[in-house]
Amino acid sequence: MIDAHGELLGRLLPGDRLSDLMIREGQFHYVVVGSERVVSFARTDAAAERLTARGAVLRALAHLALGVAVPECLSVAAQGDAVAYLLMTKVSGAPLDGALLRIPDVAESVARQCHGLLDSLAAAKDDPRIRGSLTVAPVDRWQEFAAAVRGELYPLMSVTGRARAERELSALDALPHSTDAVVHGDLGGENLLWDTVDGLPVLRGVVDWDGVCLGDPAEDFAAIGAGYGPDVLRGVLAHTETTDSGLADRIAAIQGTFALQQALDAYLDGDEEELADGLSGYR
């Protein structure tokens, strides 16, 4: 990646030595991290087509007061240019070391701060600038997802794998349509960035807003549970004051589809490695 785009990176990341740059590989992008800026290169043609929309979303998110940093879009070179990329400001912090969550005070601090983030995202739905900029989760989103899994992924599964998938998909039938929050869509461990202050983690920023929409906050609760474990999720829920009696059931139903979501996204993007990983429990 560095060798292939060295000249471009030299222009986009002035002052950084190429040998000091760090590369992170996500499901859809290669991310080159400099001292003050970050360059995201699409891994697939489909991801390249989404770069312009990603930049627009980041500009909309600049209006949010989340209490943590969000990347600022500096420029976009979309598909059709010599190289497609998204240039953003760097958000400080690093993904949390999961081993630290075995320490009760750390787990409680993480749960409390994740709750604060989710609370801010729920409040942000009332900002007219946000409501005018973000997409709304479709009414038939889960039905379309289930149909796509059955049509595209079932032929790749074993009989027992299809039976497992059918149980997971059937749990989606009871999910109501909701636009009760700004939903990040992938609040996993890699996308929340932390520092350490007095021995405890402090949430500094949130990255990778590709899937953001107005939707059901249960999706972000579910992702936090998947990324940080059930104890942290229970802590987040303990801090959450809500009259939503169905929240826990929706979280469980959504968590049950995460591998299928990964596999379907990878299939549609032509990413064989991520597809194989997502389907590993269904073959």
Protein backbone atom coordinates (compact mmCIF):
# COMPACT_ATOMS: atom_id res chain seq x y z
CA MET A 1 0.00 0.00 0.00
CA ILE A 2 2.75 2.48 0.95
CA ASP A 3 4.87 1.54 -2.04
CA ALA A 4 1.94 1.67 -4.47
CA HIS A 5 0.78 5.13 -3.37
CA GLY A 6 3.96 6.66 -1.99
CA GLU A 7 3.88 9.80 -4.13
CA LEU A 8 0.21 10.45 -3.38
CA LEU A 9 0.67 9.84 0.33
CA GLY A 10 3.58 12.25 0.34
CA ARG A 11 1.22 14.98 -0.89
CA LEU A 12 -1.72 14.07 1.34
CA LEU A 13 0.30 13.56 4.51
CA PRO A 14 2.87 16.37 4.43
CA GLY A 15 5.51 16.17 7.11
CA ASP A 16 5.10 12.42 7.63
CA ARG A 17 7.79 9.96 6.66
CA LEU A 18 6.45 7.02 4.68
CA SER A 19 8.34 4.62 6.92
CA ASP A 20 6.44 5.93 9.96
CA LEU A 21 2.95 5.46 8.50
CA MET A 22 0.70 2.75 9.94
CA ILE A 23 -1.75 0.69 7.89
CA ARG A 24 -5.02 -0.72 9.21
CA GLU A 25 -7.14 -3.09 7.17
CA GLY A 26 -10.91 -3.08 7.56
CA GLN A 27 -13.63 -5.00 5.78
CA PHE A 28 -14.04 -2.39 3.05
CA HIS A 29 -10.98 -0.10 3.26
CA TYR A 30 -7.25 0.13 3.76
CA VAL A 31 -6.53 3.00 6.14
CA VAL A 32 -3.16 4.75 6.20
CA VAL A 33 -2.64 6.65 9.45
CA GLY A 34 -0.33 9.65 9.62
CA SER A 35 0.51 11.95 12.50
CA GLU A 36 -2.39 14.36 11.83
CA ARG A 37 -4.32 12.94 8.86
CA VAL A 38 -5.75 9.62 7.72
CA VAL A 39 -6.23 8.35 4.16
CA SER A 40 -8.83 5.68 3.44
CA PHE A 41 -8.41 3.63 0.24
CA ALA A 42 -11.29 1.43 -0.92
CA ARG A 43 -10.61 -2.30 -1.08
CA THR A 44 -13.30 -2.93 -3.69
CA ASP A 45 -15.02 -1.07 -6.52
CA ALA A 46 -18.26 -1.01 -4.53
CA ALA A 47 -16.49 0.63 -1.58
CA ALA A 48 -14.91 3.18 -3.94
CA GLU A 49 -18.36 4.16 -5.20
CA ARG A 50 -19.36 5.02 -1.62
CA LEU A 51 -16.48 7.39 -0.90
CA THR A 52 -18.31 10.57 -1.93
CA ALA A 53 -21.26 9.65 0.30
CA ARG A 54 -18.86 8.91 3.16
CA GLY A 55 -17.42 12.40 2.85
CA ALA A 56 -20.87 13.97 2.88
CA VAL A 57 -21.81 12.05 6.02
CA LEU A 58 -18.71 13.25 7.85
CA ARG A 59 -19.56 16.84 6.95
CA ALA A 60 -23.05 16.35 8.40
CA LEU A 61 -21.65 14.77 11.55
CA ALA A 62 -19.50 17.85 12.18
CA HIS A 63 -22.68 19.44 13.59
CA LEU A 64 -23.09 16.81 16.29
CA ALA A 65 -22.11 17.49 19.90
CA LEU A 66 -21.21 13.99 20.99
CA GLY A 67 -18.58 14.90 23.54
CA VAL A 68 -15.99 12.93 21.52
CA ALA A 69 -14.14 13.60 18.30
CA VAL A 70 -15.37 12.57 14.86
CA PRO A 71 -13.11 12.62 11.75
CA GLU A 72 -13.41 15.73 9.60
CA CYS A 73 -13.58 15.22 5.84
CA LEU A 74 -10.78 17.17 4.14
CA SER A 75 -11.13 15.93 0.55
CA VAL A 76 -12.48 13.08 -1.57
CA ALA A 77 -11.18 11.56 -4.78
CA ALA A 78 -14.01 9.33 -5.92
CA GLN A 79 -14.08 6.42 -8.31
CA GLY A 80 -13.11 7.63 -11.77
CA ASP A 81 -10.08 9.52 -10.47
CA ALA A 82 -6.65 7.96 -10.81
CA VAL A 83 -6.87 6.70 -7.21
CA ALA A 84 -10.03 6.77 -5.10
CA TYR A 85 -9.49 7.91 -1.51
CA LEU A 86 -10.98 9.84 1.38
CA LEU A 87 -8.73 12.20 3.33
CA MET A 88 -9.73 12.88 6.94
CA THR A 89 -8.37 14.41 10.10
CA LYS A 90 -6.90 11.95 12.57
CA VAL A 91 -8.83 11.21 15.76
CA SER A 92 -6.61 10.61 18.77
CA GLY A 93 -6.72 7.47 20.85
CA ALA A 94 -6.53 3.75 20.14
CA PRO A 95 -8.83 0.71 20.32
CA LEU A 96 -9.22 -0.63 23.84
CA ASP A 97 -7.23 -3.68 24.89
CA GLY A 98 -9.97 -6.20 25.61
CA ALA A 99 -7.93 -7.79 28.40
CA LEU A 100 -8.42 -4.63 30.46
CA LEU A 101 -12.14 -5.31 30.66
CA ARG A 102 -11.43 -8.05 33.20
CA ILE A 103 -10.75 -5.22 35.68
CA PRO A 104 -14.13 -4.26 37.20
CA ASP A 105 -13.37 -0.51 37.43
CA VAL A 106 -12.30 -0.46 33.78
CA ALA A 107 -15.41 -2.33 32.63
CA GLU A 108 -17.63 0.05 34.60
CA SER A 109 -15.87 3.11 33.16
CA VAL A 110 -16.25 1.77 29.61
CA ALA A 111 -19.93 0.98 30.19
CA ARG A 112 -20.61 4.43 31.61
CA GLN A 113 -18.93 6.23 28.72
CA CYS A 114 -20.57 4.03 26.08
CA HIS A 115 -23.90 4.88 27.69
CA GLY A 116 -23.05 8.57 27.43
CA LEU A 117 -22.24 8.20 23.74
CA LEU A 118 -25.47 6.32 23.05
CA ASP A 119 -27.42 8.95 24.97
CA SER A 120 -25.87 11.71 22.83
CA LEU A 121 -26.66 9.82 19.63
CA ALA A 122 -30.27 9.44 20.73
CA ALA A 123 -30.53 13.18 21.43
CA ALA A 124 -28.92 14.06 18.09
CA LYS A 125 -31.93 12.77 16.16
CA ASP A 126 -33.75 15.99 17.05
CA ASP A 127 -31.17 18.22 15.34
CA PRO A 128 -32.80 19.39 12.06
CA ARG A 129 -29.42 19.54 10.30
CA ILE A 130 -28.86 15.88 11.10
CA ARG A 131 -32.36 14.78 10.16
CA GLY A 132 -31.92 16.52 6.83
CA SER A 133 -28.54 14.93 6.10
CA LEU A 134 -28.72 11.30 7.20
CA THR A 135 -30.62 8.49 5.58
CA VAL A 136 -33.47 6.80 7.43
CA ALA A 137 -33.33 3.06 7.96
CA PRO A 138 -35.85 1.54 5.50
CA VAL A 139 -39.10 0.17 6.90
CA ASP A 140 -38.41 -3.22 5.32
CA ARG A 141 -34.69 -3.27 6.09
CA TRP A 142 -34.61 -6.55 7.99
CA GLN A 143 -36.99 -8.26 5.59
CA GLU A 144 -34.75 -7.28 2.67
CA PHE A 145 -31.68 -8.43 4.59
CA ALA A 146 -33.25 -11.81 5.31
CA ALA A 147 -34.31 -12.23 1.68
CA ALA A 148 -30.78 -11.39 0.49
CA VAL A 149 -29.21 -13.87 2.91
CA ARG A 150 -31.57 -16.62 1.76
CA GLY A 151 -31.05 -15.82 -1.90
CA GLU A 152 -27.30 -15.17 -1.97
CA LEU A 153 -25.78 -16.99 1.00
CA TYR A 154 -27.92 -20.09 1.52
CA PRO A 155 -26.41 -21.79 -1.58
CA LEU A 156 -23.01 -21.40 0.09
CA MET A 157 -24.11 -23.02 3.38
CA SER A 158 -24.50 -26.57 4.60
CA VAL A 159 -27.90 -27.92 5.59
CA THR A 160 -27.14 -27.34 9.27
CA GLY A 161 -25.79 -23.89 8.45
CA ARG A 162 -29.01 -22.93 6.70
CA ALA A 163 -31.01 -24.17 9.67
CA ARG A 164 -28.95 -22.03 12.02
CA ALA A 165 -29.32 -18.99 9.76
CA GLU A 166 -33.07 -19.52 9.52
CA ARG A 167 -33.38 -19.45 13.31
CA GLU A 168 -31.40 -16.21 13.45
CA LEU A 169 -33.34 -14.59 10.63
CA SER A 170 -36.71 -15.55 12.06
CA ALA A 171 -35.90 -13.52 15.18
CA LEU A 172 -35.84 -10.40 12.99
CA ASP A 173 -39.53 -10.73 12.12
CA ALA A 174 -40.58 -9.12 15.39
CA LEU A 175 -38.31 -6.07 15.05
CA PRO A 176 -40.32 -2.84 14.74
CA HIS A 177 -39.29 0.02 12.49
CA SER A 178 -37.60 2.69 14.58
CA THR A 179 -35.87 6.03 13.95
CA ASP A 180 -35.30 6.83 17.61
CA ALA A 181 -31.58 7.66 17.37
CA VAL A 182 -28.64 8.48 15.20
CA VAL A 183 -27.23 4.98 14.78
CA HIS A 184 -23.53 4.55 14.04
CA GLY A 185 -24.07 1.04 12.74
CA ASP A 186 -20.75 -0.50 13.79
CA LEU A 187 -19.79 0.59 17.31
CA GLY A 188 -17.30 -2.24 17.58
CA GLY A 189 -14.02 -2.25 19.45
CA GLU A 190 -11.92 -0.95 16.55
CA ASN A 191 -14.11 2.10 15.98
CA LEU A 192 -14.08 3.51 19.51
CA LEU A 193 -10.75 5.17 20.36
CA TRP A 194 -9.54 5.55 23.94
CA ASP A 195 -6.78 7.13 26.03
CA THR A 196 -5.85 6.24 29.60
CA VAL A 197 -6.14 8.77 32.42
CA ASP A 198 -5.34 7.82 36.02
CA GLY A 199 -5.47 4.16 35.09
CA LEU A 200 -8.93 4.29 33.49
CA PRO A 201 -9.91 4.48 29.80
CA VAL A 202 -11.30 7.75 28.46
CA LEU A 203 -13.26 7.71 25.20
CA ARG A 204 -11.71 10.22 22.81
CA GLY A 205 -13.32 9.58 19.44
CA VAL A 206 -15.44 7.46 17.14
CA VAL A 207 -14.45 6.55 13.57
CA ASP A 208 -15.88 4.60 10.61
CA TRP A 209 -19.31 6.17 10.19
CA ASP A 210 -20.07 4.39 6.91
CA GLY A 211 -23.31 2.85 8.16
CA VAL A 212 -24.72 5.83 10.08
CA CYS A 213 -28.45 6.45 9.74
CA LEU A 214 -31.56 7.33 11.71
CA GLY A 215 -32.64 4.00 13.09
CA ASP A 216 -33.00 1.66 16.05
CA PRO A 217 -30.51 2.31 18.88
CA ALA A 218 -30.61 -1.43 19.63
CA GLU A 219 -28.12 -1.86 16.78
CA ASP A 220 -25.45 0.17 18.56
CA PHE A 221 -26.16 -1.51 21.91
CA ALA A 222 -25.72 -4.85 20.15
CA ALA A 223 -22.41 -3.83 18.59
CA ILE A 224 -21.03 -2.65 21.92
CA GLY A 225 -22.02 -5.97 23.45
CA ALA A 226 -20.31 -7.86 20.64
CA GLY A 227 -17.17 -5.75 20.88
CA TYR A 228 -16.78 -5.45 24.66
CA GLY A 229 -18.69 -8.43 25.96
CA PRO A 230 -21.92 -9.11 27.85
CA ASP A 231 -20.72 -7.63 31.15
CA VAL A 232 -20.11 -4.24 29.58
CA LEU A 233 -23.44 -4.42 27.76
CA ARG A 234 -25.21 -5.16 31.04
CA GLY A 235 -23.43 -2.14 32.53
CA VAL A 236 -24.57 0.08 29.67
CA LEU A 237 -28.15 -1.10 30.09
CA ALA A 238 -27.95 -0.53 33.85
CA HIS A 239 -27.12 3.14 33.17
CA THR A 240 -29.88 3.47 30.58
CA GLU A 241 -33.18 4.95 31.66
CA THR A 242 -35.77 3.85 29.15
CA THR A 243 -39.40 2.88 28.85
CA ASP A 244 -38.47 0.66 25.88
CA SER A 245 -39.39 -2.75 27.27
CA GLY A 246 -38.38 -4.53 24.06
CA LEU A 247 -34.84 -3.15 23.88
CA ALA A 248 -33.08 -6.24 25.30
CA ASP A 249 -34.92 -8.60 22.94
CA ARG A 250 -34.06 -6.45 19.91
CA ILE A 251 -30.42 -6.32 20.96
CA ALA A 252 -30.29 -10.13 21.16
CA ALA A 253 -31.98 -10.57 17.78
CA ILE A 254 -29.61 -8.16 16.06
CA GLN A 255 -26.51 -9.65 17.70
CA GLY A 256 -27.54 -13.02 16.33
CA THR A 257 -27.17 -11.77 12.76
CA PHE A 258 -23.73 -10.16 12.94
CA ALA A 259 -21.91 -12.99 11.16
CA LEU A 260 -24.56 -13.02 8.44
CA GLN A 261 -24.28 -9.25 8.05
CA GLN A 262 -20.53 -9.54 7.60
CA ALA A 263 -20.91 -12.35 5.10
CA LEU A 264 -23.57 -10.61 3.02
CA ASP A 265 -21.64 -7.32 2.87
CA ALA A 266 -18.52 -9.23 1.83
CA TYR A 267 -20.43 -11.20 -0.81
CA LEU A 268 -21.89 -8.04 -2.34
CA ASP A 269 -18.47 -6.36 -2.31
CA GLY A 270 -16.65 -9.39 -3.73
CA ASP A 271 -14.43 -9.78 -0.65
CA GLU A 272 -13.69 -13.52 -0.50
CA GLU A 273 -11.65 -13.39 2.72
CA GLU A 274 -14.33 -11.62 4.77
CA LEU A 275 -17.01 -13.82 3.19
CA ALA A 276 -15.24 -16.99 4.27
CA ASP A 277 -14.81 -15.63 7.80
CA GLY A 278 -18.47 -14.61 8.08
CA LEU A 279 -19.70 -17.99 6.84
CA SER A 280 -17.29 -20.09 8.91
CA GLY A 281 -20.04 -21.19 11.27
CA TYR A 282 -22.50 -22.03 8.50
CA ARG A 283 -20.51 -24.46 6.33
